[in-house]
Amino acid sequence: MFFAAKVGIPVFVTGGIGGVHRHGEQTMDISSDLTELGKTPVAVISAGVKSILDIPRTLEYLETQGVTVAAYRTNEFPAFFMECSGFKVPCRLDTPQECARLINANLNLKLGSGMLIAVPVPKEYAASGNMIESAIQNALKEAAEKNVIGNAATPFLLSRVNELTGGASLAANIALVKNNACVGARIAVELAGLRRNISNCPVRSAL
C-alpha cells in the first residue's frame, strides 16, 4: 500500500488483509494493515480479513481508523473462505463502475485514508468454507496448547489449517486471490477511464 501510494497506484489487490487477532482485547495483537489503511489513500481489494482473525473487532477498528469498508455484490462482509460472516457492511457496491466512483470520490476529498472493498470467495470454493472453519478452530486450539503467539501464530495456523484440510484451504486461497485480481483489474480500468474523462473535461481545463 505504502509504495503503491508513492507511485500513484490507487488500487491494490491482495488475498486477505490482517486485522485484530482473536482474543486481541487481551493480547492487543493488531496487524499494522489496519493502521496503514487509516493513513494511506489506496483502495484495497481483498476477500475480507484472514479467516484466523476476529472479524467484528477488525471492522470496529477500521471504523475507528476512518476507513471506508464496502462489500462487492453482497450486504455482508465476506469471511475469507466463506461468502458471508454474519456482519453487515455500511456500503454495498455492485459494479466495477460503482467501485471506481467511490474510490475517485475518496481521492478527490483527500481524506488521507484508504478503502477496503471485500469480495466474496467464488461460490464453488465457498462450499468448503465450513470444513475449513472447523479446521481453523482445531488449529487455534493447538496453537493455544503449544503457546504459539505473536508473529509465529499466523504462519503456524495457516500451515496447520492447510494440513487439516488436505490442501483445500490452499486451493481456495489461490482461487480467491485470482478472483480478487480479476475484480481489482476491472475496477482499476474503470477508475483510469473515469479520471481520464474528468481531466479532459473542457470546464475543468478552463478552470
Protein backbone atom coordinates (compact mmCIF):
# COMPACT_ATOMS: atom_id res chain seq x y z
CA MET A 1 0.00 0.00 0.00
CA PHE A 2 2.72 2.43 1.00
CA PHE A 3 4.74 2.05 -2.18
CA ALA A 4 1.62 1.92 -4.37
CA ALA A 5 0.56 5.28 -2.97
CA LYS A 6 4.06 6.72 -3.51
CA VAL A 7 3.98 5.95 -7.23
CA GLY A 8 0.35 6.89 -7.78
CA ILE A 9 -1.25 3.43 -7.93
CA PRO A 10 -4.75 3.82 -6.41
CA VAL A 11 -5.90 0.17 -6.44
CA PHE A 12 -4.12 -2.69 -4.68
CA VAL A 13 -5.17 -6.36 -4.65
CA THR A 14 -4.37 -9.00 -2.04
CA GLY A 15 -5.88 -12.23 -0.70
CA GLY A 16 -6.94 -11.14 2.76
CA ILE A 17 -5.77 -8.30 4.96
CA GLY A 18 -4.55 -8.66 8.53
CA GLY A 19 -6.68 -7.48 11.41
CA VAL A 20 -7.42 -7.83 15.08
CA HIS A 21 -6.38 -11.30 16.21
CA ARG A 22 -8.78 -13.44 18.19
CA HIS A 23 -8.55 -12.51 21.88
CA GLY A 24 -6.98 -9.26 20.69
CA GLU A 25 -8.72 -7.46 23.56
CA GLN A 26 -6.30 -9.29 25.85
CA THR A 27 -3.16 -9.52 23.71
CA MET A 28 -3.52 -6.23 21.78
CA ASP A 29 -2.32 -8.19 18.74
CA ILE A 30 -3.47 -5.98 15.87
CA SER A 31 -1.98 -6.16 12.38
CA SER A 32 -0.36 -2.99 11.06
CA ASP A 33 -2.53 -3.40 7.94
CA LEU A 34 -5.33 -1.60 9.77
CA THR A 35 -3.35 1.48 10.75
CA GLU A 36 -1.85 1.62 7.25
CA LEU A 37 -5.35 1.63 5.76
CA GLY A 38 -6.14 4.56 8.01
CA LYS A 39 -3.33 6.72 6.62
CA THR A 40 -2.70 5.57 3.04
CA PRO A 41 -5.11 6.65 0.25
CA VAL A 42 -5.21 3.35 -1.65
CA ALA A 43 -8.23 1.11 -2.28
CA VAL A 44 -7.50 -2.46 -1.21
CA ILE A 45 -9.44 -5.29 -2.86
CA SER A 46 -9.47 -8.46 -0.74
CA ALA A 47 -11.64 -11.37 0.36
CA GLY A 48 -12.04 -9.69 3.72
CA VAL A 49 -9.66 -10.40 6.58
CA LYS A 50 -7.73 -13.61 7.05
CA SER A 51 -10.05 -16.27 8.45
CA ILE A 52 -7.99 -16.82 11.59
CA LEU A 53 -8.75 -13.28 12.78
CA ASP A 54 -11.58 -11.57 14.68
CA ILE A 55 -13.89 -10.10 12.05
CA PRO A 56 -16.21 -7.90 14.18
CA ARG A 57 -13.35 -6.32 16.11
CA THR A 58 -11.44 -5.76 12.88
CA LEU A 59 -14.43 -3.92 11.39
CA GLU A 60 -14.72 -1.80 14.54
CA TYR A 61 -11.04 -0.94 14.36
CA LEU A 62 -11.30 0.02 10.69
CA GLU A 63 -14.20 2.33 11.55
CA THR A 64 -12.07 3.92 14.26
CA GLN A 65 -9.34 4.50 11.68
CA GLY A 66 -11.80 6.22 9.34
CA VAL A 67 -11.54 3.54 6.66
CA THR A 68 -14.45 3.12 4.25
CA VAL A 69 -15.44 -0.57 4.14
CA ALA A 70 -17.57 -1.88 1.28
CA ALA A 71 -18.57 -5.32 0.01
CA TYR A 72 -18.81 -6.35 -3.64
CA ARG A 73 -22.24 -7.63 -4.66
CA THR A 74 -23.22 -8.59 -1.11
CA ASN A 75 -24.57 -6.93 2.02
CA GLU A 76 -22.36 -8.96 4.33
CA PHE A 77 -18.65 -8.77 4.95
CA PRO A 78 -17.03 -11.90 3.44
CA ALA A 79 -15.30 -14.33 5.81
CA PHE A 80 -12.37 -15.15 3.53
CA PHE A 81 -13.09 -18.85 2.90
CA MET A 82 -16.84 -18.27 3.28
CA GLU A 83 -19.07 -15.86 1.39
CA CYS A 84 -20.74 -14.43 4.50
CA SER A 85 -19.61 -13.65 8.02
CA GLY A 86 -22.94 -12.57 9.51
CA PHE A 87 -21.72 -8.97 9.81
CA LYS A 88 -23.27 -6.25 7.66
CA VAL A 89 -21.20 -3.69 5.77
CA PRO A 90 -22.13 0.01 5.62
CA CYS A 91 -21.71 0.09 1.84
CA ARG A 92 -22.55 -2.34 -0.97
CA LEU A 93 -21.09 -1.94 -4.46
CA ASP A 94 -22.45 -3.99 -7.36
CA THR A 95 -20.31 -2.98 -10.33
CA PRO A 96 -16.70 -2.00 -11.06
CA GLN A 97 -18.08 1.40 -12.11
CA GLU A 98 -19.62 1.98 -8.67
CA CYS A 99 -16.35 0.97 -7.03
CA ALA A 100 -14.40 3.35 -9.26
CA ARG A 101 -16.71 6.27 -8.49
CA LEU A 102 -16.35 5.72 -4.73
CA ILE A 103 -12.58 5.39 -4.94
CA ASN A 104 -12.38 8.55 -7.05
CA ALA A 105 -14.52 10.45 -4.55
CA ASN A 106 -12.26 9.32 -1.71
CA LEU A 107 -9.18 10.50 -3.62
CA ASN A 108 -10.75 13.84 -4.57
CA LEU A 109 -11.77 14.56 -0.99
CA LYS A 110 -8.16 13.98 0.08
CA LEU A 111 -9.25 12.25 3.27
CA GLY A 112 -5.85 10.60 3.54
CA SER A 113 -7.32 7.22 4.44
CA GLY A 114 -7.66 4.11 2.31
CA MET A 115 -10.64 1.95 1.42
CA LEU A 116 -11.36 -1.76 1.76
CA ILE A 117 -13.55 -3.45 -0.85
CA ALA A 118 -14.27 -7.03 0.20
CA VAL A 119 -15.02 -9.60 -2.50
CA PRO A 120 -16.60 -12.97 -1.60
CA VAL A 121 -14.71 -16.16 -2.46
CA PRO A 122 -16.01 -17.83 -5.68
CA LYS A 123 -19.09 -19.93 -4.94
CA GLU A 124 -17.53 -23.23 -5.97
CA TYR A 125 -14.88 -22.82 -3.27
CA ALA A 126 -17.20 -21.35 -0.64
CA ALA A 127 -18.80 -24.79 -0.27
CA SER A 128 -15.75 -25.99 1.64
CA GLY A 129 -15.83 -22.98 3.94
CA ASN A 130 -17.50 -24.75 6.88
CA MET A 131 -14.97 -27.58 6.75
CA ILE A 132 -12.12 -25.07 6.69
CA GLU A 133 -13.64 -23.14 9.60
CA SER A 134 -13.72 -26.35 11.63
CA ALA A 135 -10.02 -26.87 10.85
CA ILE A 136 -9.30 -23.30 11.94
CA GLN A 137 -10.92 -23.92 15.31
CA ASN A 138 -8.78 -27.05 15.78
CA ALA A 139 -5.64 -25.17 14.74
CA LEU A 140 -6.44 -22.35 17.18
CA LYS A 141 -6.81 -24.88 19.97
CA GLU A 142 -3.46 -26.45 19.08
CA ALA A 143 -1.78 -23.04 18.98
CA ALA A 144 -3.10 -22.25 22.46
CA GLU A 145 -1.90 -25.58 23.82
CA LYS A 146 1.57 -25.07 22.32
CA ASN A 147 1.65 -21.39 23.36
CA VAL A 148 2.22 -20.22 19.78
CA ILE A 149 1.72 -16.46 19.94
CA GLY A 150 2.78 -13.20 18.29
CA ASN A 151 4.37 -13.28 14.84
CA ALA A 152 4.60 -17.07 14.94
CA ALA A 153 0.83 -17.53 15.22
CA THR A 154 -0.24 -16.70 11.66
CA PRO A 155 2.23 -18.96 9.77
CA PHE A 156 1.55 -21.79 12.25
CA LEU A 157 -2.22 -21.51 11.86
CA LEU A 158 -2.20 -21.22 8.07
CA SER A 159 0.14 -24.18 7.72
CA ARG A 160 -1.85 -26.30 10.17
CA VAL A 161 -5.18 -25.47 8.52
CA ASN A 162 -3.77 -26.47 5.14
CA GLU A 163 -2.67 -29.81 6.61
CA LEU A 164 -6.00 -30.44 8.34
CA THR A 165 -7.99 -29.69 5.18
CA GLY A 166 -5.80 -31.78 2.91
CA GLY A 167 -4.85 -28.75 0.85
CA ALA A 168 -8.42 -27.48 0.38
CA SER A 169 -7.67 -24.21 2.14
CA LEU A 170 -4.69 -23.55 -0.14
CA ALA A 171 -6.77 -24.25 -3.26
CA ALA A 172 -9.49 -21.89 -2.03
CA ASN A 173 -6.86 -19.27 -1.16
CA ILE A 174 -5.39 -19.37 -4.68
CA ALA A 175 -8.87 -19.16 -6.22
CA LEU A 176 -9.91 -16.14 -4.19
CA VAL A 177 -6.65 -14.31 -4.93
CA LYS A 178 -7.20 -14.83 -8.68
CA ASN A 179 -10.81 -13.68 -8.33
CA ASN A 180 -9.75 -10.59 -6.38
CA ALA A 181 -7.18 -9.77 -9.06
CA CYS A 182 -9.83 -10.04 -11.77
CA VAL A 183 -12.26 -7.77 -9.89
CA GLY A 184 -9.47 -5.35 -8.96
CA ALA A 185 -8.31 -5.11 -12.58
CA ARG A 186 -11.83 -4.24 -13.76
CA ILE A 187 -12.11 -1.58 -11.06
CA ALA A 188 -8.71 -0.13 -11.97
CA VAL A 189 -9.68 0.10 -15.65
CA GLU A 190 -12.93 1.88 -14.79
CA LEU A 191 -11.13 4.25 -12.43
CA ALA A 192 -8.50 5.10 -15.04
CA GLY A 193 -11.22 5.86 -17.59
CA LEU A 194 -13.16 7.96 -15.12
CA ARG A 195 -10.14 10.05 -14.11
CA ARG A 196 -9.09 10.47 -17.74
CA ASN A 197 -12.54 11.72 -18.74
CA ILE A 198 -12.61 14.16 -15.84
CA SER A 199 -9.15 15.53 -16.64
CA ASN A 200 -10.18 16.04 -20.28
CA CYS A 201 -13.40 17.87 -19.37
CA PRO A 202 -13.35 21.36 -21.05
CA VAL A 203 -14.84 23.05 -17.98
CA ARG A 204 -12.17 21.55 -15.73
CA SER A 205 -9.44 22.52 -18.20
CA ALA A 206 -10.72 26.10 -18.29
CA LEU A 207 -10.63 26.25 -14.50
